[in-house]
Amino acid sequence: MAVVELEIPARPAYLSLVRLIVDAAVGSLAPGLTPARLDDLKIAVTEACSNAIEAHEATYAEGPVVVRCLVDDDQVTVQVIDHGRGFDPDRVEALPAATDPRRLRHESGLGIPLMRTLTDEVVFSRAADGTTVSLTVYRPPPP
C-alpha cells in the first residue's frame, strides 16, 4: 500500500493545494482510475476538507487538517482528519431537493450528499479530538 500524507492549515486557501496533491498522488499511484473518476474523488475530498476547515473555525481548534491518500491494489481511500467537535452525519437535517424553489434559501448542505454520490464508500469516524472522513473509490481490475 502506498501512502501520501499532507497537513494543511485550516484555511480555505489551501483547498487548491489539496486537489493538486490528490491529483498527483492518486494519478501516479493508481493509473487505472479514469480521469473522470479522479475528478469525482477530488470534488469529494474538497467537500470533506471544506467541512473540516469549518469544524476547526467553529471550535477554534488548533492543529492542521490532515489529508491522507491510501492507494491499494483494488481501491483508493482519502482520509480527511480534523480536530473539530465532530458531528453525527445521520442527524444532518435533510434539505429540499435541488429542483425545489425552497432550496435557494440554503447556501450550504450539499457536501455530504456529494461525497456519497461521487465515491463508492464514505465513512465518518468520530473521536474525542475530531472526525475522520474516509472517501473510497474502487479501482477497476487490470486488463
Foldseek 3Di string as FASTA:
>chain_A
DDKDKDWDALDLVCLVVVLVVLCVVCVVQQVQQDPVLSVLVSLLVSLVSPVQSVQCVVAVDDTTWMWMWDDDQWKIKIKTWHQGQDDDVVPPDDDDDPPDPVNVVDPDDCNVVSLVVSAVDWDWDDDRRTIMIMGMHTGDHDD
